[in-house]
Structure formats: structure tokens, C-alpha cells
Amino acid sequence: MGPEFWLYAAVGFAAQLVDGALGMAYGVVSTTVLLANGVPPASASASVHAAKVFTGAASAASHIAHRNVDWRLLALLSLGGVVGGVAGTYLLTSVDGEMIKPFVVAWLGLMGLVILYRAWKGARPKPFSWKSPAPLGLVGGFFDAVGGGGWGPVVTSTLLGTGADPRKAIGTTNAAEAFVAAAVSAAFLAALVSGHWETEGLRDHLWSVLGLIGGGVVAAPIAGWMTKVMPIRALTWVVGYVVTGLAIWQALVLFG
């Protein structure tokens, strides 16, 4: 357990603190750090999803304890997310996932602006169509598997953009992420065992993954409490800025 573990533990703690409180960023931040250190995209996504099985479970328990979860929404999102995540895993282990990232960035930018507009108008949460959560989960799970971190940015931002209660949207999205991460991890394992996918030095990054898990599990209970106590309008402003900032950052990385 050397410096690498503690570095990634710090990354995992900070990323989960933001993700658990705002419904996004753990996968994006963790995957970006792994890619910057030379980890191939498929291996980075597999590593982050393995970590999210544990951090997602801790985050789900925290949000359930603080009553931030809508159970019907959780079931629909999880169902769609599992299907989309498995499909995305198959695609990522077959083609270059970088081709899809521009579409994720464009969606992020659009949703960020919508959320900021709702915060500026002081719009209150409103009922949304129950026909959309399962397809939304499917799209979010797909982009999450392909990009290594797209579940929160796609699902949370869309729910907030359609007027869902920020606390319920964030808490439920985080709880559903545990099921999606487990399905994606199982799909990566199946691809590895079947010979469909050959890892490139995945074992060399074991301490990195353990660090992400350790830091994320510690941060999860704090993040769930933050979601419960923050005012709705302030929470909406913060999420809007985070989503827009992530979109701008990813666009600079892609096109810079």
C-alpha cells in the first residue's frame, strides 16, 4: 500500500463527495485520472465500475437512510441502466468508445444550461412522465459503460432538467448506479472470461482501484447528508454549474 493507493483514495473521496451530493462526477473524474496515467479506455471503465460497485452501495445506503430515494423511479432507472450498461460494455470491448464522447458532451452542455435556467427562474419541482425513466436509464447506462462515467451526468441532469425534485433525483440516481455498476462489472468479467476482451495491464492498477473504493466509501455517508440538508434552489444552482463545467472541460479535452 504505497503512495499510489493514497493518491487514488483522495481522488475517490473527492469524486464521491461531489457525486453523492450532486448526483454526478465520480465516474468522470476517476476515469479521467486513470486515462491521464496511461490506462486504456476499456480498462479504465472496468476499473471504475468495479470501484463503483462498492461506493455505489455505500452511497445508496446513505441516501436511503436520509430518505432521498423514490422507489418506483429506482426500479425503472435500474432496469434500463442494467440493459444499457451491458450493451455499452459489449460495444466498448469491440470498438473505440472515444467516438461517442462528443455526443455525451453536447448533451451535458444542453442539460447544464436547462438546469441553470430553472435555478435562475426559481422553478419548483414538478411531476414528470413515468414513461421516460426506463429509456433514460438505458441511455445513461450505455454512455456510462462506454465513457467510464456518464450515468450521473446523463440521468441526474435530465431528471433535473424535466423538473424532478433535486434530492429525489440525486438520491435515486446514486442508488440505481450501484445496480448498473454491478451489471457492467459482470459484463466486463464475462467478456474477459469468454475471450471477447483482452485486458491491457489491468492488474497493474489494482492499488488504484482499491484507493478509489476506499476513498469513495468513506465519502458516501457525508454526501448523502449534504443532499438532505442543502436548500433545493442552491442545490439546483450547484448541479447546473457542475454539469456545465464538466461539459466545457470535456469539450476542451476532446477538441483542444
Foldseek 3Di string as FASTA:
>chain_A
DDPLLQVLLVQLQVQLLCCLQQVFRNQVSQLVVVVVVPFDQLLSLLLSLVLLLQLLQLLLVLLVVLVLADVVLLVLLLQLLLQLQLVLNLVQQPDQLLVCVVVLLVLLQVLLVLLQVCLVVVPAADDDDPVPSNPQSNVQNNNCSSRRTRQRSRQLSVCVSRRHQSSHSSNSSSNSSSSSSVSNNVSNVVCPVVVSHDGDCSVVCVSSSNSSNNSSSVNSNVSSVSNSPDDRSVSSNVSSVVSNVVSVVVVVVSVD
